[in-house]
Amino acid sequence: MLLKKNETKKKRWSLAFVLVGIIILGFLIFGTPLRMDHPDEQKNTETKEKQDEIQKVSPSAGDGTVQKEIISSPAIDYQNLEKDIELKNLMESRKDSLGIKKSLDMIVHSDEDMKIGDVKVSMRDILEKAFLNEGAVFEEKIDTSGAVIPPRIKAYGIYVVQPGDNIWNIHFNILKDYYASQGITVSPRADEPKDKGQSSGVGKILKFSETMVIIYNLLEKKLDVDINLLSPLSKIIVYNMEEVFSLLRDINFDTIDRIQFDGKTIWVPAKKS
């Protein structure tokens, strides 16, 4: 009887040593002791891992809301204006809303980017440089939570300089394009001086327009001050469409030659109500 008890005891110890060995081996191989997960527990673990992964991508703002990563729209590509039907329709729609047909290449909003050749530039960058050039600061409003309030979106007309272009003709084409949408035909010689060498009303508008535009050097990524030196495909002319049409809307074309311009300020005869 005692022999049987000893044999049973030895078997138990042997089994214990084997189990301990398996556990140690499992720990060394897998880093954790081997265990059998219940199906529900395994499912819960997988769900938690997915939730943790989502939180890493979209961190909490601390108030229960989830912050999303902002995905910016693709840049408006000048090279694809004719190839990309959707882009072409968008540009035509924006031009139509402003009464412009062919005198501008693109209408770009102040929160958008554009690409001309290999150069990508944002309207924000151009506007910041323009503000700085005038001694002003491109300010942004901050709300109570500390978030930046985006400024009101404005439309800007973009003309890509081509071989043989000059700033005067670029302005004149826009003026003729706008008045055509109003049913007014502007003579191709309307910009020429009147008798006695005095500037015509159209000529005064075109001269004043030089003070309203931004010339941006794409290669050097800076504003260009020399309006007479236009390099093909390396510079763009930027028009603030709100300013341009605010001026043109105030002009009675029948009395356009009564406009006065002193080189800085333009006086336009008031329209009769």
C-alpha atoms as a PDB file:
ATOM      1  CA  MET A   1       0.000   0.000   0.000  1.00  0.00           C
ATOM      2  CA  LEU A   2       2.825   2.395   0.881  1.00  0.00           C
ATOM      3  CA  LEU A   3       4.548   1.573  -2.418  1.00  0.00           C
ATOM      4  CA  LYS A   4       1.472   2.458  -4.399  1.00  0.00           C
ATOM      5  CA  LYS A   5       1.160   5.778  -2.563  1.00  0.00           C
ATOM      6  CA  ASN A   6       4.778   6.641  -3.336  1.00  0.00           C
ATOM      7  CA  GLU A   7       4.339   5.763  -6.998  1.00  0.00           C
ATOM      8  CA  THR A   8       1.213   7.944  -7.185  1.00  0.00           C
ATOM      9  CA  LYS A   9       3.097  10.792  -5.537  1.00  0.00           C
ATOM     10  CA  LYS A  10       5.964  10.454  -8.002  1.00  0.00           C
ATOM     11  CA  LYS A  11       3.513  10.510 -10.935  1.00  0.00           C
ATOM     12  CA  ARG A  12       1.907  13.683  -9.590  1.00  0.00           C
ATOM     13  CA  TRP A  13       5.286  15.411  -9.211  1.00  0.00           C
ATOM     14  CA  SER A  14       6.324  14.292 -12.684  1.00  0.00           C
ATOM     15  CA  LEU A  15       3.087  15.677 -14.159  1.00  0.00           C
ATOM     16  CA  ALA A  16       3.580  18.934 -12.269  1.00  0.00           C
ATOM     17  CA  PHE A  17       7.126  19.282 -13.608  1.00  0.00           C
ATOM     18  CA  VAL A  18       5.885  18.640 -17.159  1.00  0.00           C
ATOM     19  CA  LEU A  19       3.157  21.298 -16.845  1.00  0.00           C
ATOM     20  CA  VAL A  20       5.610  23.823 -15.406  1.00  0.00           C
ATOM     21  CA  GLY A  21       7.984  23.056 -18.263  1.00  0.00           C
ATOM     22  CA  ILE A  22       5.245  23.632 -20.857  1.00  0.00           C
ATOM     23  CA  ILE A  23       4.281  26.949 -19.234  1.00  0.00           C
ATOM     24  CA  ILE A  24       7.900  28.140 -19.114  1.00  0.00           C
ATOM     25  CA  LEU A  25       8.446  27.051 -22.730  1.00  0.00           C
ATOM     26  CA  GLY A  26       5.308  28.915 -23.815  1.00  0.00           C
ATOM     27  CA  PHE A  27       6.420  32.049 -21.968  1.00  0.00           C
ATOM     28  CA  LEU A  28       9.830  31.940 -23.645  1.00  0.00           C
ATOM     29  CA  ILE A  29       8.337  31.481 -27.120  1.00  0.00           C
ATOM     30  CA  PHE A  30       5.308  33.757 -27.011  1.00  0.00           C
ATOM     31  CA  GLY A  31       6.210  36.224 -24.284  1.00  0.00           C
ATOM     32  CA  THR A  32       3.125  35.343 -22.246  1.00  0.00           C
ATOM     33  CA  PRO A  33       1.934  32.110 -20.715  1.00  0.00           C
ATOM     34  CA  LEU A  34      -0.190  29.951 -22.984  1.00  0.00           C
ATOM     35  CA  ARG A  35      -3.865  30.383 -22.335  1.00  0.00           C
ATOM     36  CA  MET A  36      -7.090  29.466 -24.051  1.00  0.00           C
ATOM     37  CA  ASP A  37      -9.289  32.528 -24.713  1.00  0.00           C
ATOM     38  CA  HIS A  38     -12.997  32.242 -24.598  1.00  0.00           C
ATOM     39  CA  PRO A  39     -14.500  33.271 -28.007  1.00  0.00           C
ATOM     40  CA  ASP A  40     -16.334  36.231 -26.425  1.00  0.00           C
ATOM     41  CA  GLU A  41     -13.190  37.423 -24.652  1.00  0.00           C
ATOM     42  CA  GLN A  42     -11.195  37.198 -27.895  1.00  0.00           C
ATOM     43  CA  LYS A  43     -13.871  39.219 -29.733  1.00  0.00           C
ATOM     44  CA  ASN A  44     -13.866  41.899 -27.029  1.00  0.00           C
ATOM     45  CA  THR A  45     -10.076  42.111 -27.217  1.00  0.00           C
ATOM     46  CA  GLU A  46     -10.153  42.590 -31.005  1.00  0.00           C
ATOM     47  CA  THR A  47     -12.845  45.271 -30.684  1.00  0.00           C
ATOM     48  CA  LYS A  48     -10.815  47.162 -28.086  1.00  0.00           C
ATOM     49  CA  GLU A  49      -7.721  47.007 -30.277  1.00  0.00           C
ATOM     50  CA  LYS A  50      -9.695  48.496 -33.193  1.00  0.00           C
ATOM     51  CA  GLN A  51     -11.060  51.262 -30.964  1.00  0.00           C
ATOM     52  CA  ASP A  52      -7.564  52.081 -29.751  1.00  0.00           C
ATOM     53  CA  GLU A  53      -6.382  52.246 -33.369  1.00  0.00           C
ATOM     54  CA  ILE A  54      -9.220  54.624 -34.309  1.00  0.00           C
ATOM     55  CA  GLN A  55      -8.428  56.868 -31.353  1.00  0.00           C
ATOM     56  CA  LYS A  56      -4.823  57.098 -32.497  1.00  0.00           C
ATOM     57  CA  VAL A  57      -5.980  58.307 -35.913  1.00  0.00           C
ATOM     58  CA  SER A  58      -8.711  60.617 -34.588  1.00  0.00           C
ATOM     59  CA  PRO A  59      -7.700  61.794 -31.113  1.00  0.00           C
ATOM     60  CA  SER A  60     -10.318  63.075 -28.727  1.00  0.00           C
ATOM     61  CA  ALA A  61     -10.586  66.796 -28.191  1.00  0.00           C
ATOM     62  CA  GLY A  62     -11.141  66.164 -24.503  1.00  0.00           C
ATOM     63  CA  ASP A  63     -14.821  67.128 -24.580  1.00  0.00           C
ATOM     64  CA  GLY A  64     -16.183  63.908 -26.019  1.00  0.00           C
ATOM     65  CA  THR A  65     -15.894  65.009 -29.643  1.00  0.00           C
ATOM     66  CA  VAL A  66     -13.554  63.383 -32.124  1.00  0.00           C
ATOM     67  CA  GLN A  67     -11.199  65.543 -34.109  1.00  0.00           C
ATOM     68  CA  LYS A  68     -11.003  64.742 -37.798  1.00  0.00           C
ATOM     69  CA  GLU A  69      -7.943  65.149 -39.925  1.00  0.00           C
ATOM     70  CA  ILE A  70      -8.499  67.980 -42.437  1.00  0.00           C
ATOM     71  CA  ILE A  71      -8.118  66.791 -46.015  1.00  0.00           C
ATOM     72  CA  SER A  72      -7.310  69.656 -48.356  1.00  0.00           C
ATOM     73  CA  SER A  73      -8.786  69.814 -51.839  1.00  0.00           C
ATOM     74  CA  PRO A  74      -6.453  69.123 -54.753  1.00  0.00           C
ATOM     75  CA  ALA A  75      -4.805  72.137 -56.356  1.00  0.00           C
ATOM     76  CA  ILE A  76      -6.443  73.658 -59.428  1.00  0.00           C
ATOM     77  CA  ASP A  77      -4.109  72.518 -62.185  1.00  0.00           C
ATOM     78  CA  TYR A  78      -3.668  75.009 -65.027  1.00  0.00           C
ATOM     79  CA  GLN A  79      -2.344  72.270 -67.324  1.00  0.00           C
ATOM     80  CA  ASN A  80      -5.576  70.274 -66.913  1.00  0.00           C
ATOM     81  CA  LEU A  81      -8.072  73.051 -67.653  1.00  0.00           C
ATOM     82  CA  GLU A  82      -8.966  71.495 -71.005  1.00  0.00           C
ATOM     83  CA  LYS A  83      -8.304  67.833 -70.177  1.00  0.00           C
ATOM     84  CA  ASP A  84     -10.258  67.611 -66.925  1.00  0.00           C
ATOM     85  CA  ILE A  85     -13.932  68.051 -67.863  1.00  0.00           C
ATOM     86  CA  GLU A  86     -15.058  68.498 -64.262  1.00  0.00           C
ATOM     87  CA  LEU A  87     -12.426  71.205 -63.653  1.00  0.00           C
ATOM     88  CA  LYS A  88     -13.254  72.903 -66.960  1.00  0.00           C
ATOM     89  CA  ASN A  89     -16.948  73.043 -66.066  1.00  0.00           C
ATOM     90  CA  LEU A  90     -16.140  74.429 -62.627  1.00  0.00           C
ATOM     91  CA  MET A  91     -14.014  77.237 -64.057  1.00  0.00           C
ATOM     92  CA  GLU A  92     -16.621  78.083 -66.713  1.00  0.00           C
ATOM     93  CA  SER A  93     -19.324  78.204 -64.049  1.00  0.00           C
ATOM     94  CA  ARG A  94     -17.270  80.573 -61.888  1.00  0.00           C
ATOM     95  CA  LYS A  95     -16.459  82.808 -64.854  1.00  0.00           C
ATOM     96  CA  ASP A  96     -20.100  82.931 -65.977  1.00  0.00           C
ATOM     97  CA  SER A  97     -21.185  84.048 -62.514  1.00  0.00           C
ATOM     98  CA  LEU A  98     -18.808  87.007 -62.842  1.00  0.00           C
ATOM     99  CA  GLY A  99     -19.592  87.863 -66.453  1.00  0.00           C
ATOM    100  CA  ILE A 100     -16.175  86.726 -67.696  1.00  0.00           C
ATOM    101  CA  LYS A 101     -15.547  84.406 -70.646  1.00  0.00           C
ATOM    102  CA  LYS A 102     -12.020  84.255 -72.057  1.00  0.00           C
ATOM    103  CA  SER A 103      -9.990  87.083 -70.524  1.00  0.00           C
ATOM    104  CA  LEU A 104      -9.028  85.100 -67.399  1.00  0.00           C
ATOM    105  CA  ASP A 105      -7.658  81.576 -67.143  1.00  0.00           C
ATOM    106  CA  MET A 106      -8.999  80.637 -63.730  1.00  0.00           C
ATOM    107  CA  ILE A 107     -11.149  81.874 -60.877  1.00  0.00           C
ATOM    108  CA  VAL A 108      -9.502  80.688 -57.674  1.00  0.00           C
ATOM    109  CA  HIS A 109     -10.908  81.120 -54.186  1.00  0.00           C
ATOM    110  CA  SER A 110      -8.824  82.571 -51.378  1.00  0.00           C
ATOM    111  CA  ASP A 111      -8.666  79.209 -49.576  1.00  0.00           C
ATOM    112  CA  GLU A 112      -7.536  77.191 -52.609  1.00  0.00           C
ATOM    113  CA  ASP A 113      -4.222  76.158 -54.143  1.00  0.00           C
ATOM    114  CA  MET A 114      -3.241  76.216 -57.787  1.00  0.00           C
ATOM    115  CA  LYS A 115      -0.599  74.503 -59.850  1.00  0.00           C
ATOM    116  CA  ILE A 116       1.032  76.030 -62.919  1.00  0.00           C
ATOM    117  CA  GLY A 117       3.579  73.754 -64.553  1.00  0.00           C
ATOM    118  CA  ASP A 118       5.673  72.243 -61.765  1.00  0.00           C
ATOM    119  CA  VAL A 119       4.940  75.085 -59.338  1.00  0.00           C
ATOM    120  CA  LYS A 120       2.243  74.762 -56.695  1.00  0.00           C
ATOM    121  CA  VAL A 121       1.207  77.872 -54.806  1.00  0.00           C
ATOM    122  CA  SER A 122      -1.606  78.741 -52.423  1.00  0.00           C
ATOM    123  CA  MET A 123      -3.726  81.873 -52.690  1.00  0.00           C
ATOM    124  CA  ARG A 124      -3.171  82.342 -48.978  1.00  0.00           C
ATOM    125  CA  ASP A 125       0.586  82.627 -49.511  1.00  0.00           C
ATOM    126  CA  ILE A 126       0.117  85.185 -52.299  1.00  0.00           C
ATOM    127  CA  LEU A 127      -2.301  87.256 -50.212  1.00  0.00           C
ATOM    128  CA  GLU A 128      -0.035  87.178 -47.163  1.00  0.00           C
ATOM    129  CA  LYS A 129       2.840  88.515 -49.278  1.00  0.00           C
ATOM    130  CA  ALA A 130       0.578  91.177 -50.795  1.00  0.00           C
ATOM    131  CA  PHE A 131      -0.549  92.347 -47.344  1.00  0.00           C
ATOM    132  CA  LEU A 132       3.034  92.458 -46.124  1.00  0.00           C
ATOM    133  CA  ASN A 133       4.086  94.407 -49.211  1.00  0.00           C
ATOM    134  CA  GLU A 134       1.519  97.084 -48.333  1.00  0.00           C
ATOM    135  CA  GLY A 135       2.691  97.231 -44.731  1.00  0.00           C
ATOM    136  CA  ALA A 136      -0.387  95.419 -43.455  1.00  0.00           C
ATOM    137  CA  VAL A 137      -0.790  92.164 -41.557  1.00  0.00           C
ATOM    138  CA  PHE A 138      -2.812  89.238 -42.806  1.00  0.00           C
ATOM    139  CA  GLU A 139      -4.817  88.769 -39.604  1.00  0.00           C
ATOM    140  CA  GLU A 140      -6.877  85.782 -38.572  1.00  0.00           C
ATOM    141  CA  LYS A 141      -9.698  85.844 -36.057  1.00  0.00           C
ATOM    142  CA  ILE A 142      -9.618  83.444 -33.104  1.00  0.00           C
ATOM    143  CA  ASP A 143     -12.800  82.232 -31.419  1.00  0.00           C
ATOM    144  CA  THR A 144     -13.246  81.569 -27.689  1.00  0.00           C
ATOM    145  CA  SER A 145     -12.058  77.977 -28.030  1.00  0.00           C
ATOM    146  CA  GLY A 146      -8.792  79.100 -29.585  1.00  0.00           C
ATOM    147  CA  ALA A 147      -9.666  77.813 -33.056  1.00  0.00           C
ATOM    148  CA  VAL A 148      -8.852  79.929 -36.107  1.00  0.00           C
ATOM    149  CA  ILE A 149     -11.923  81.403 -37.811  1.00  0.00           C
ATOM    150  CA  PRO A 150     -11.344  81.230 -41.547  1.00  0.00           C
ATOM    151  CA  PRO A 151     -11.707  84.591 -43.325  1.00  0.00           C
ATOM    152  CA  ARG A 152     -14.533  85.182 -45.773  1.00  0.00           C
ATOM    153  CA  ILE A 153     -13.851  83.340 -49.003  1.00  0.00           C
ATOM    154  CA  LYS A 154     -13.167  85.687 -51.909  1.00  0.00           C
ATOM    155  CA  ALA A 155     -12.793  85.038 -55.626  1.00  0.00           C
ATOM    156  CA  TYR A 156      -9.592  85.952 -57.439  1.00  0.00           C
ATOM    157  CA  GLY A 157      -9.117  86.046 -61.184  1.00  0.00           C
ATOM    158  CA  ILE A 158      -5.894  84.441 -62.427  1.00  0.00           C
ATOM    159  CA  TYR A 159      -4.235  85.161 -65.740  1.00  0.00           C
ATOM    160  CA  VAL A 160      -1.132  83.179 -66.699  1.00  0.00           C
ATOM    161  CA  VAL A 161       1.255  85.416 -68.661  1.00  0.00           C
ATOM    162  CA  GLN A 162       1.905  84.277 -72.233  1.00  0.00           C
ATOM    163  CA  PRO A 163       4.574  85.245 -74.806  1.00  0.00           C
ATOM    164  CA  GLY A 164       3.971  88.752 -76.191  1.00  0.00           C
ATOM    165  CA  ASP A 165       1.685  89.828 -73.327  1.00  0.00           C
ATOM    166  CA  ASN A 166       1.714  93.250 -71.726  1.00  0.00           C
ATOM    167  CA  ILE A 167      -0.167  94.409 -68.659  1.00  0.00           C
ATOM    168  CA  TRP A 168      -2.181  97.019 -70.559  1.00  0.00           C
ATOM    169  CA  ASN A 169      -3.687  94.557 -73.039  1.00  0.00           C
ATOM    170  CA  ILE A 170      -4.422  92.055 -70.272  1.00  0.00           C
ATOM    171  CA  HIS A 171      -6.450  94.688 -68.397  1.00  0.00           C
ATOM    172  CA  PHE A 172      -8.150  95.865 -71.591  1.00  0.00           C
ATOM    173  CA  ASN A 173      -9.292  92.329 -72.487  1.00  0.00           C
ATOM    174  CA  ILE A 174     -10.886  91.906 -69.066  1.00  0.00           C
ATOM    175  CA  LEU A 175     -12.672  95.256 -69.365  1.00  0.00           C
ATOM    176  CA  LYS A 176     -14.035  94.375 -72.836  1.00  0.00           C
ATOM    177  CA  ASP A 177     -15.043  90.911 -71.611  1.00  0.00           C
ATOM    178  CA  TYR A 178     -16.980  92.344 -68.668  1.00  0.00           C
ATOM    179  CA  TYR A 179     -18.808  94.990 -70.704  1.00  0.00           C
ATOM    180  CA  ALA A 180     -19.693  92.394 -73.346  1.00  0.00           C
ATOM    181  CA  SER A 181     -21.595  90.496 -70.647  1.00  0.00           C
ATOM    182  CA  GLN A 182     -23.513  93.730 -70.003  1.00  0.00           C
ATOM    183  CA  GLY A 183     -24.412  94.060 -73.676  1.00  0.00           C
ATOM    184  CA  ILE A 184     -21.893  96.856 -74.299  1.00  0.00           C
ATOM    185  CA  THR A 185     -19.377  96.608 -77.128  1.00  0.00           C
ATOM    186  CA  VAL A 186     -16.100  98.370 -76.394  1.00  0.00           C
ATOM    187  CA  SER A 187     -14.171  99.588 -79.407  1.00  0.00           C
ATOM    188  CA  PRO A 188     -10.685  98.063 -79.846  1.00  0.00           C
ATOM    189  CA  ARG A 189      -9.387 101.655 -79.967  1.00  0.00           C
ATOM    190  CA  ALA A 190     -11.270 102.873 -76.873  1.00  0.00           C
ATOM    191  CA  ASP A 191      -8.052 102.852 -74.857  1.00  0.00           C
ATOM    192  CA  GLU A 192      -6.225 105.230 -77.191  1.00  0.00           C
ATOM    193  CA  PRO A 193      -5.725 108.936 -76.253  1.00  0.00           C
ATOM    194  CA  LYS A 194      -8.356 111.461 -77.317  1.00  0.00           C
ATOM    195  CA  ASP A 195      -7.695 114.604 -79.296  1.00  0.00           C
ATOM    196  CA  LYS A 196      -4.979 116.801 -77.810  1.00  0.00           C
ATOM    197  CA  GLY A 197      -3.338 113.717 -76.338  1.00  0.00           C
ATOM    198  CA  GLN A 198      -5.633 113.410 -73.323  1.00  0.00           C
ATOM    199  CA  SER A 199      -6.277 109.910 -71.948  1.00  0.00           C
ATOM    200  CA  SER A 200      -9.647 108.395 -72.699  1.00  0.00           C
ATOM    201  CA  GLY A 201     -11.899 107.194 -69.899  1.00  0.00           C
ATOM    202  CA  VAL A 202     -11.038 103.603 -70.751  1.00  0.00           C
ATOM    203  CA  GLY A 203      -7.346 104.479 -70.724  1.00  0.00           C
ATOM    204  CA  LYS A 204      -7.690 105.980 -67.239  1.00  0.00           C
ATOM    205  CA  ILE A 205      -9.404 102.847 -65.973  1.00  0.00           C
ATOM    206  CA  LEU A 206      -6.651 100.667 -67.397  1.00  0.00           C
ATOM    207  CA  LYS A 207      -3.990 102.853 -65.826  1.00  0.00           C
ATOM    208  CA  PHE A 208      -5.753 102.689 -62.470  1.00  0.00           C
ATOM    209  CA  SER A 209      -6.055  98.905 -62.827  1.00  0.00           C
ATOM    210  CA  GLU A 210      -2.286  98.666 -62.532  1.00  0.00           C
ATOM    211  CA  THR A 211      -2.639  99.678 -58.872  1.00  0.00           C
ATOM    212  CA  MET A 212      -5.257  96.987 -58.211  1.00  0.00           C
ATOM    213  CA  VAL A 213      -3.499  93.822 -59.321  1.00  0.00           C
ATOM    214  CA  ILE A 214      -0.925  91.477 -57.847  1.00  0.00           C
ATOM    215  CA  ILE A 215       1.862  90.215 -60.074  1.00  0.00           C
ATOM    216  CA  TYR A 216       3.316  86.992 -58.681  1.00  0.00           C
ATOM    217  CA  ASN A 217       6.598  85.466 -59.807  1.00  0.00           C
ATOM    218  CA  LEU A 218       6.096  81.695 -59.809  1.00  0.00           C
ATOM    219  CA  LEU A 219       9.779  80.816 -60.177  1.00  0.00           C
ATOM    220  CA  GLU A 220      10.989  83.054 -57.359  1.00  0.00           C
ATOM    221  CA  LYS A 221       7.772  82.677 -55.327  1.00  0.00           C
ATOM    222  CA  LYS A 222       7.494  86.369 -54.561  1.00  0.00           C
ATOM    223  CA  LEU A 223       5.590  89.452 -55.666  1.00  0.00           C
ATOM    224  CA  ASP A 224       6.943  91.253 -58.696  1.00  0.00           C
ATOM    225  CA  VAL A 225       7.019  95.041 -58.692  1.00  0.00           C
ATOM    226  CA  ASP A 226       7.941  95.565 -62.349  1.00  0.00           C
ATOM    227  CA  ILE A 227       4.618  95.409 -64.190  1.00  0.00           C
ATOM    228  CA  ASN A 228       6.323  95.980 -67.537  1.00  0.00           C
ATOM    229  CA  LEU A 229       8.515  92.902 -67.292  1.00  0.00           C
ATOM    230  CA  LEU A 230       6.179  89.957 -67.789  1.00  0.00           C
ATOM    231  CA  SER A 231       7.891  86.605 -68.277  1.00  0.00           C
ATOM    232  CA  PRO A 232       5.827  84.005 -70.169  1.00  0.00           C
ATOM    233  CA  LEU A 233       4.510  81.144 -67.996  1.00  0.00           C
ATOM    234  CA  SER A 234       6.640  82.293 -65.049  1.00  0.00           C
ATOM    235  CA  LYS A 235       4.300  84.996 -63.766  1.00  0.00           C
ATOM    236  CA  ILE A 236       0.609  85.313 -63.036  1.00  0.00           C
ATOM    237  CA  ILE A 237      -1.642  88.352 -62.725  1.00  0.00           C
ATOM    238  CA  VAL A 238      -4.015  88.162 -59.753  1.00  0.00           C
ATOM    239  CA  TYR A 239      -7.209  90.211 -59.722  1.00  0.00           C
ATOM    240  CA  ASN A 240      -9.415  90.795 -56.694  1.00  0.00           C
ATOM    241  CA  MET A 241     -12.687  90.302 -58.555  1.00  0.00           C
ATOM    242  CA  GLU A 242     -14.682  92.055 -55.845  1.00  0.00           C
ATOM    243  CA  GLU A 243     -12.626  95.240 -56.275  1.00  0.00           C
ATOM    244  CA  VAL A 244     -12.566  95.061 -60.067  1.00  0.00           C
ATOM    245  CA  PHE A 245     -16.313  94.724 -60.501  1.00  0.00           C
ATOM    246  CA  SER A 246     -17.101  97.154 -57.728  1.00  0.00           C
ATOM    247  CA  LEU A 247     -15.301  99.756 -59.850  1.00  0.00           C
ATOM    248  CA  LEU A 248     -16.825  98.731 -63.180  1.00  0.00           C
ATOM    249  CA  ARG A 249     -20.372  98.569 -61.776  1.00  0.00           C
ATOM    250  CA  ASP A 250     -20.086 102.187 -60.643  1.00  0.00           C
ATOM    251  CA  ILE A 251     -19.175 103.426 -64.125  1.00  0.00           C
ATOM    252  CA  ASN A 252     -21.774 104.706 -66.538  1.00  0.00           C
ATOM    253  CA  PHE A 253     -20.225 103.796 -69.861  1.00  0.00           C
ATOM    254  CA  ASP A 254     -22.007 106.694 -71.586  1.00  0.00           C
ATOM    255  CA  THR A 255     -20.054 109.179 -69.429  1.00  0.00           C
ATOM    256  CA  ILE A 256     -16.835 107.155 -69.132  1.00  0.00           C
ATOM    257  CA  ASP A 257     -14.695 109.960 -70.563  1.00  0.00           C
ATOM    258  CA  ARG A 258     -15.557 112.155 -67.575  1.00  0.00           C
ATOM    259  CA  ILE A 259     -13.510 109.898 -65.280  1.00  0.00           C
ATOM    260  CA  GLN A 260     -10.608 111.658 -63.558  1.00  0.00           C
ATOM    261  CA  PHE A 261      -7.367 109.959 -62.510  1.00  0.00           C
ATOM    262  CA  ASP A 262      -4.303 111.578 -60.912  1.00  0.00           C
ATOM    263  CA  GLY A 263      -2.026 108.557 -60.872  1.00  0.00           C
ATOM    264  CA  LYS A 264      -3.257 107.237 -57.508  1.00  0.00           C
ATOM    265  CA  THR A 265      -6.935 108.070 -57.096  1.00  0.00           C
ATOM    266  CA  ILE A 266      -9.747 107.704 -59.583  1.00  0.00           C
ATOM    267  CA  TRP A 267     -12.960 109.745 -59.568  1.00  0.00           C
ATOM    268  CA  VAL A 268     -15.995 108.247 -61.254  1.00  0.00           C
ATOM    269  CA  PRO A 269     -19.114 110.366 -62.089  1.00  0.00           C
ATOM    270  CA  ALA A 270     -22.018 109.241 -59.922  1.00  0.00           C
ATOM    271  CA  LYS A 271     -24.695 107.195 -61.634  1.00  0.00           C
ATOM    272  CA  LYS A 272     -28.109 108.795 -61.896  1.00  0.00           C
ATOM    273  CA  SER A 273     -30.731 106.929 -59.905  1.00  0.00           C
END
